[in-house]
Amino acid sequence: MERMLFWKRMLTIVFIIGYVLVVFFNLVSSDSAGEKATRIIIFTIGMPIMFFILYKVGSAVIKRT
């Protein structure tokens, strides 16, 4: 149970740091406003999906071991 909590916490931290970095580097890039907005929208939709998949896979792996 303790490993499960550690896994959830680490995945959440990595998700938040990754999202902040993506948004930051997107804002400082020299692309047009439309490209920046599209990239942020894609990451806003894609990152939670990836997070959910990793979370479910990690939970299943930890439960089996």
PDB file of N, CA and C in Angstrom:
ATOM      1  N   MET A   1       0.830  -1.200   0.000  1.00  0.00           N
ATOM      2  CA  MET A   1       0.000   0.000   0.000  1.00  0.00           C
ATOM      3  C   MET A   1       0.867   1.253   0.000  1.00  0.00           C
ATOM      4  N   GLU A   2       1.960   1.194   0.727  1.00  0.00           N
ATOM      5  CA  GLU A   2       2.842   2.353   0.801  1.00  0.00           C
ATOM      6  C   GLU A   2       3.508   2.632  -0.546  1.00  0.00           C
ATOM      7  N   ARG A   3       3.851   1.552  -1.261  1.00  0.00           N
ATOM      8  CA  ARG A   3       4.451   1.724  -2.589  1.00  0.00           C
ATOM      9  C   ARG A   3       3.450   2.349  -3.554  1.00  0.00           C
ATOM     10  N   MET A   4       2.174   1.994  -3.398  1.00  0.00           N
ATOM     11  CA  MET A   4       1.132   2.542  -4.258  1.00  0.00           C
ATOM     12  C   MET A   4       1.027   4.051  -4.052  1.00  0.00           C
ATOM     13  N   LEU A   5       1.070   4.479  -2.802  1.00  0.00           N
ATOM     14  CA  LEU A   5       0.990   5.900  -2.491  1.00  0.00           C
ATOM     15  C   LEU A   5       2.191   6.643  -3.069  1.00  0.00           C
ATOM     16  N   PHE A   6       3.374   6.054  -2.944  1.00  0.00           N
ATOM     17  CA  PHE A   6       4.587   6.652  -3.498  1.00  0.00           C
ATOM     18  C   PHE A   6       4.469   6.778  -5.014  1.00  0.00           C
ATOM     19  N   TRP A   7       3.975   5.735  -5.676  1.00  0.00           N
ATOM     20  CA  TRP A   7       3.811   5.741  -7.132  1.00  0.00           C
ATOM     21  C   TRP A   7       2.861   6.860  -7.561  1.00  0.00           C
ATOM     22  N   LYS A   8       1.731   6.991  -6.887  1.00  0.00           N
ATOM     23  CA  LYS A   8       0.753   8.025  -7.235  1.00  0.00           C
ATOM     24  C   LYS A   8       1.355   9.417  -7.045  1.00  0.00           C
ATOM     25  N   ARG A   9       2.058   9.605  -5.937  1.00  0.00           N
ATOM     26  CA  ARG A   9       2.645  10.908  -5.643  1.00  0.00           C
ATOM     27  C   ARG A   9       3.705  11.285  -6.676  1.00  0.00           C
ATOM     28  N   MET A  10       4.577  10.340  -7.008  1.00  0.00           N
ATOM     29  CA  MET A  10       5.639  10.613  -7.982  1.00  0.00           C
ATOM     30  C   MET A  10       5.060  10.899  -9.366  1.00  0.00           C
ATOM     31  N   LEU A  11       4.070  10.149  -9.779  1.00  0.00           N
ATOM     32  CA  LEU A  11       3.450  10.352 -11.083  1.00  0.00           C
ATOM     33  C   LEU A  11       2.779  11.721 -11.154  1.00  0.00           C
ATOM     34  N   THR A  12       2.136  12.125 -10.075  1.00  0.00           N
ATOM     35  CA  THR A  12       1.494  13.439 -10.036  1.00  0.00           C
ATOM     36  C   THR A  12       2.528  14.554 -10.117  1.00  0.00           C
ATOM     37  N   ILE A  13       3.625  14.422  -9.396  1.00  0.00           N
ATOM     38  CA  ILE A  13       4.682  15.438  -9.421  1.00  0.00           C
ATOM     39  C   ILE A  13       5.300  15.543 -10.810  1.00  0.00           C
ATOM     40  N   VAL A  14       5.604  14.399 -11.418  1.00  0.00           N
ATOM     41  CA  VAL A  14       6.187  14.403 -12.765  1.00  0.00           C
ATOM     42  C   VAL A  14       5.220  15.025 -13.763  1.00  0.00           C
ATOM     43  N   PHE A  15       3.940  14.719 -13.641  1.00  0.00           N
ATOM     44  CA  PHE A  15       2.920  15.278 -14.527  1.00  0.00           C
ATOM     45  C   PHE A  15       2.871  16.801 -14.408  1.00  0.00           C
ATOM     46  N   ILE A  16       2.840  17.309 -13.204  1.00  0.00           N
ATOM     47  CA  ILE A  16       2.741  18.757 -12.993  1.00  0.00           C
ATOM     48  C   ILE A  16       3.997  19.466 -13.492  1.00  0.00           C
ATOM     49  N   ILE A  17       5.166  18.944 -13.164  1.00  0.00           N
ATOM     50  CA  ILE A  17       6.420  19.562 -13.616  1.00  0.00           C
ATOM     51  C   ILE A  17       6.512  19.535 -15.137  1.00  0.00           C
ATOM     52  N   GLY A  18       6.162  18.403 -15.735  1.00  0.00           N
ATOM     53  CA  GLY A  18       6.197  18.287 -17.194  1.00  0.00           C
ATOM     54  C   GLY A  18       5.258  19.270 -17.864  1.00  0.00           C
ATOM     55  N   TYR A  19       4.062  19.405 -17.332  1.00  0.00           N
ATOM     56  CA  TYR A  19       3.087  20.312 -17.928  1.00  0.00           C
ATOM     57  C   TYR A  19       3.549  21.765 -17.816  1.00  0.00           C
ATOM     58  N   VAL A  20       4.081  22.140 -16.661  1.00  0.00           N
ATOM     59  CA  VAL A  20       4.574  23.508 -16.472  1.00  0.00           C
ATOM     60  C   VAL A  20       5.722  23.798 -17.437  1.00  0.00           C
ATOM     61  N   LEU A  21       6.644  22.842 -17.601  1.00  0.00           N
ATOM     62  CA  LEU A  21       7.763  23.036 -18.529  1.00  0.00           C
ATOM     63  C   LEU A  21       7.286  23.172 -19.970  1.00  0.00           C
ATOM     64  N   VAL A  22       6.335  22.351 -20.361  1.00  0.00           N
ATOM     65  CA  VAL A  22       5.807  22.423 -21.730  1.00  0.00           C
ATOM     66  C   VAL A  22       5.172  23.786 -21.978  1.00  0.00           C
ATOM     67  N   VAL A  23       4.356  24.241 -21.054  1.00  0.00           N
ATOM     68  CA  VAL A  23       3.699  25.543 -21.225  1.00  0.00           C
ATOM     69  C   VAL A  23       4.730  26.662 -21.222  1.00  0.00           C
ATOM     70  N   PHE A  24       5.715  26.606 -20.333  1.00  0.00           N
ATOM     71  CA  PHE A  24       6.734  27.647 -20.270  1.00  0.00           C
ATOM     72  C   PHE A  24       7.527  27.730 -21.571  1.00  0.00           C
ATOM     73  N   PHE A  25       8.048  26.590 -22.039  1.00  0.00           N
ATOM     74  CA  PHE A  25       8.847  26.613 -23.259  1.00  0.00           C
ATOM     75  C   PHE A  25       8.000  26.945 -24.480  1.00  0.00           C
ATOM     76  N   ASN A  26       6.720  26.631 -24.419  1.00  0.00           N
ATOM     77  CA  ASN A  26       5.826  27.005 -25.509  1.00  0.00           C
ATOM     78  C   ASN A  26       5.648  28.525 -25.547  1.00  0.00           C
ATOM     79  N   LEU A  27       5.516  29.139 -24.396  1.00  0.00           N
ATOM     80  CA  LEU A  27       5.288  30.583 -24.354  1.00  0.00           C
ATOM     81  C   LEU A  27       6.523  31.379 -24.767  1.00  0.00           C
ATOM     82  N   VAL A  28       7.722  30.854 -24.501  1.00  0.00           N
ATOM     83  CA  VAL A  28       8.927  31.595 -24.856  1.00  0.00           C
ATOM     84  C   VAL A  28       9.419  31.276 -26.269  1.00  0.00           C
ATOM     85  N   SER A  29       8.730  30.357 -26.965  1.00  0.00           N
ATOM     86  CA  SER A  29       9.147  30.040 -28.335  1.00  0.00           C
ATOM     87  C   SER A  29       8.742  31.175 -29.268  1.00  0.00           C
ATOM     88  N   SER A  30       9.320  31.174 -30.460  1.00  0.00           N
ATOM     89  CA  SER A  30       9.065  32.272 -31.400  1.00  0.00           C
ATOM     90  C   SER A  30       8.013  31.908 -32.447  1.00  0.00           C
ATOM     91  N   ASP A  31       7.161  30.937 -32.149  1.00  0.00           N
ATOM     92  CA  ASP A  31       6.102  30.548 -33.084  1.00  0.00           C
ATOM     93  C   ASP A  31       4.967  31.562 -33.038  1.00  0.00           C
ATOM     94  N   SER A  32       4.051  31.426 -33.998  1.00  0.00           N
ATOM     95  CA  SER A  32       2.901  32.330 -34.022  1.00  0.00           C
ATOM     96  C   SER A  32       1.939  31.972 -32.883  1.00  0.00           C
ATOM     97  N   ALA A  33       1.030  32.895 -32.621  1.00  0.00           N
ATOM     98  CA  ALA A  33       0.086  32.694 -31.517  1.00  0.00           C
ATOM     99  C   ALA A  33      -0.803  31.479 -31.766  1.00  0.00           C
ATOM    100  N   GLY A  34      -1.183  31.258 -33.011  1.00  0.00           N
ATOM    101  CA  GLY A  34      -2.027  30.106 -33.340  1.00  0.00           C
ATOM    102  C   GLY A  34      -1.331  28.788 -33.070  1.00  0.00           C
ATOM    103  N   GLU A  35      -0.038  28.710 -33.427  1.00  0.00           N
ATOM    104  CA  GLU A  35       0.723  27.481 -33.179  1.00  0.00           C
ATOM    105  C   GLU A  35       0.882  27.240 -31.681  1.00  0.00           C
ATOM    106  N   LYS A  36       1.123  28.310 -30.934  1.00  0.00           N
ATOM    107  CA  LYS A  36       1.263  28.175 -29.480  1.00  0.00           C
ATOM    108  C   LYS A  36      -0.044  27.685 -28.859  1.00  0.00           C
ATOM    109  N   ALA A  37      -1.154  28.282 -29.283  1.00  0.00           N
ATOM    110  CA  ALA A  37      -2.455  27.894 -28.730  1.00  0.00           C
ATOM    111  C   ALA A  37      -2.775  26.443 -29.065  1.00  0.00           C
ATOM    112  N   THR A  38      -2.481  26.042 -30.299  1.00  0.00           N
ATOM    113  CA  THR A  38      -2.733  24.658 -30.705  1.00  0.00           C
ATOM    114  C   THR A  38      -1.908  23.693 -29.870  1.00  0.00           C
ATOM    115  N   ARG A  39      -0.641  24.027 -29.650  1.00  0.00           N
ATOM    116  CA  ARG A  39       0.236  23.156 -28.872  1.00  0.00           C
ATOM    117  C   ARG A  39      -0.251  23.037 -27.424  1.00  0.00           C
ATOM    118  N   ILE A  40      -0.678  24.139 -26.834  1.00  0.00           N
ATOM    119  CA  ILE A  40      -1.171  24.097 -25.455  1.00  0.00           C
ATOM    120  C   ILE A  40      -2.449  23.267 -25.373  1.00  0.00           C
ATOM    121  N   ILE A  41      -3.336  23.408 -26.365  1.00  0.00           N
ATOM    122  CA  ILE A  41      -4.577  22.627 -26.371  1.00  0.00           C
ATOM    123  C   ILE A  41      -4.270  21.136 -26.490  1.00  0.00           C
ATOM    124  N   ILE A  42      -3.342  20.785 -27.379  1.00  0.00           N
ATOM    125  CA  ILE A  42      -2.976  19.378 -27.558  1.00  0.00           C
ATOM    126  C   ILE A  42      -2.400  18.809 -26.265  1.00  0.00           C
ATOM    127  N   PHE A  43      -1.514  19.552 -25.618  1.00  0.00           N
ATOM    128  CA  PHE A  43      -0.932  19.063 -24.368  1.00  0.00           C
ATOM    129  C   PHE A  43      -1.963  19.027 -23.245  1.00  0.00           C
ATOM    130  N   THR A  44      -2.909  19.958 -23.257  1.00  0.00           N
ATOM    131  CA  THR A  44      -3.950  19.965 -22.232  1.00  0.00           C
ATOM    132  C   THR A  44      -4.825  18.723 -22.347  1.00  0.00           C
ATOM    133  N   ILE A  45      -5.053  18.264 -23.569  1.00  0.00           N
ATOM    134  CA  ILE A  45      -5.852  17.053 -23.775  1.00  0.00           C
ATOM    135  C   ILE A  45      -4.989  15.801 -23.632  1.00  0.00           C
ATOM    136  N   GLY A  46      -3.787  15.828 -24.195  1.00  0.00           N
ATOM    137  CA  GLY A  46      -2.933  14.638 -24.241  1.00  0.00           C
ATOM    138  C   GLY A  46      -2.293  14.264 -22.921  1.00  0.00           C
ATOM    139  N   MET A  47      -1.856  15.243 -22.155  1.00  0.00           N
ATOM    140  CA  MET A  47      -1.157  14.946 -20.900  1.00  0.00           C
ATOM    141  C   MET A  47      -2.053  14.212 -19.889  1.00  0.00           C
ATOM    142  N   PRO A  48      -3.300  14.641 -19.665  1.00  0.00           N
ATOM    143  CA  PRO A  48      -4.135  13.873 -18.725  1.00  0.00           C
ATOM    144  C   PRO A  48      -4.404  12.443 -19.200  1.00  0.00           C
ATOM    145  N   ILE A  49      -4.539  12.248 -20.513  1.00  0.00           N
ATOM    146  CA  ILE A  49      -4.750  10.898 -21.040  1.00  0.00           C
ATOM    147  C   ILE A  49      -3.523  10.038 -20.764  1.00  0.00           C
ATOM    148  N   MET A  50      -2.333  10.584 -21.039  1.00  0.00           N
ATOM    149  CA  MET A  50      -1.101   9.843 -20.759  1.00  0.00           C
ATOM    150  C   MET A  50      -0.969   9.577 -19.257  1.00  0.00           C
ATOM    151  N   PHE A  51      -1.297  10.564 -18.452  1.00  0.00           N
ATOM    152  CA  PHE A  51      -1.233  10.413 -17.001  1.00  0.00           C
ATOM    153  C   PHE A  51      -2.147   9.282 -16.543  1.00  0.00           C
ATOM    154  N   PHE A  52      -3.366   9.251 -17.068  1.00  0.00           N
ATOM    155  CA  PHE A  52      -4.337   8.230 -16.679  1.00  0.00           C
ATOM    156  C   PHE A  52      -3.859   6.835 -17.075  1.00  0.00           C
ATOM    157  N   ILE A  53      -3.314   6.704 -18.286  1.00  0.00           N
ATOM    158  CA  ILE A  53      -2.811   5.409 -18.753  1.00  0.00           C
ATOM    159  C   ILE A  53      -1.652   4.940 -17.871  1.00  0.00           C
ATOM    160  N   LEU A  54      -0.685   5.826 -17.621  1.00  0.00           N
ATOM    161  CA  LEU A  54       0.446   5.455 -16.767  1.00  0.00           C
ATOM    162  C   LEU A  54      -0.012   5.104 -15.353  1.00  0.00           C
ATOM    163  N   TYR A  55      -0.977   5.831 -14.866  1.00  0.00           N
ATOM    164  CA  TYR A  55      -1.504   5.593 -13.523  1.00  0.00           C
ATOM    165  C   TYR A  55      -2.143   4.209 -13.426  1.00  0.00           C
ATOM    166  N   LYS A  56      -2.961   3.868 -14.409  1.00  0.00           N
ATOM    167  CA  LYS A  56      -3.636   2.569 -14.406  1.00  0.00           C
ATOM    168  C   LYS A  56      -2.642   1.425 -14.585  1.00  0.00           C
ATOM    169  N   VAL A  57      -1.692   1.583 -15.505  1.00  0.00           N
ATOM    170  CA  VAL A  57      -0.686   0.542 -15.731  1.00  0.00           C
ATOM    171  C   VAL A  57       0.169   0.364 -14.477  1.00  0.00           C
ATOM    172  N   GLY A  58       0.609   1.463 -13.900  1.00  0.00           N
ATOM    173  CA  GLY A  58       1.425   1.396 -12.690  1.00  0.00           C
ATOM    174  C   GLY A  58       0.679   0.767 -11.528  1.00  0.00           C
ATOM    175  N   SER A  59      -0.590   1.101 -11.380  1.00  0.00           N
ATOM    176  CA  SER A  59      -1.394   0.518 -10.308  1.00  0.00           C
ATOM    177  C   SER A  59      -1.531  -0.990 -10.493  1.00  0.00           C
ATOM    178  N   ALA A  60      -1.757  -1.411 -11.732  1.00  0.00           N
ATOM    179  CA  ALA A  60      -1.902  -2.844 -12.014  1.00  0.00           C
ATOM    180  C   ALA A  60      -0.596  -3.592 -11.755  1.00  0.00           C
ATOM    181  N   VAL A  61       0.522  -2.989 -12.148  1.00  0.00           N
ATOM    182  CA  VAL A  61       1.822  -3.635 -11.946  1.00  0.00           C
ATOM    183  C   VAL A  61       2.130  -3.770 -10.459  1.00  0.00           C
ATOM    184  N   ILE A  62       1.872  -2.731  -9.699  1.00  0.00           N
ATOM    185  CA  ILE A  62       2.166  -2.766  -8.264  1.00  0.00           C
ATOM    186  C   ILE A  62       1.265  -3.777  -7.552  1.00  0.00           C
ATOM    187  N   LYS A  63       0.009  -3.876  -7.965  1.00  0.00           N
ATOM    188  CA  LYS A  63      -0.896  -4.838  -7.336  1.00  0.00           C
ATOM    189  C   LYS A  63      -0.462  -6.275  -7.612  1.00  0.00           C
ATOM    190  N   ARG A  64       0.144  -6.523  -8.767  1.00  0.00           N
ATOM    191  CA  ARG A  64       0.557  -7.885  -9.117  1.00  0.00           C
ATOM    192  C   ARG A  64       1.824  -8.311  -8.393  1.00  0.00           C
ATOM    193  N   THR A  65       2.651  -7.339  -7.999  1.00  0.00           N
ATOM    194  CA  THR A  65       3.933  -7.704  -7.376  1.00  0.00           C
ATOM    195  C   THR A  65       3.810  -7.776  -5.869  1.00  0.00           C
TER     196      THR A  65
END
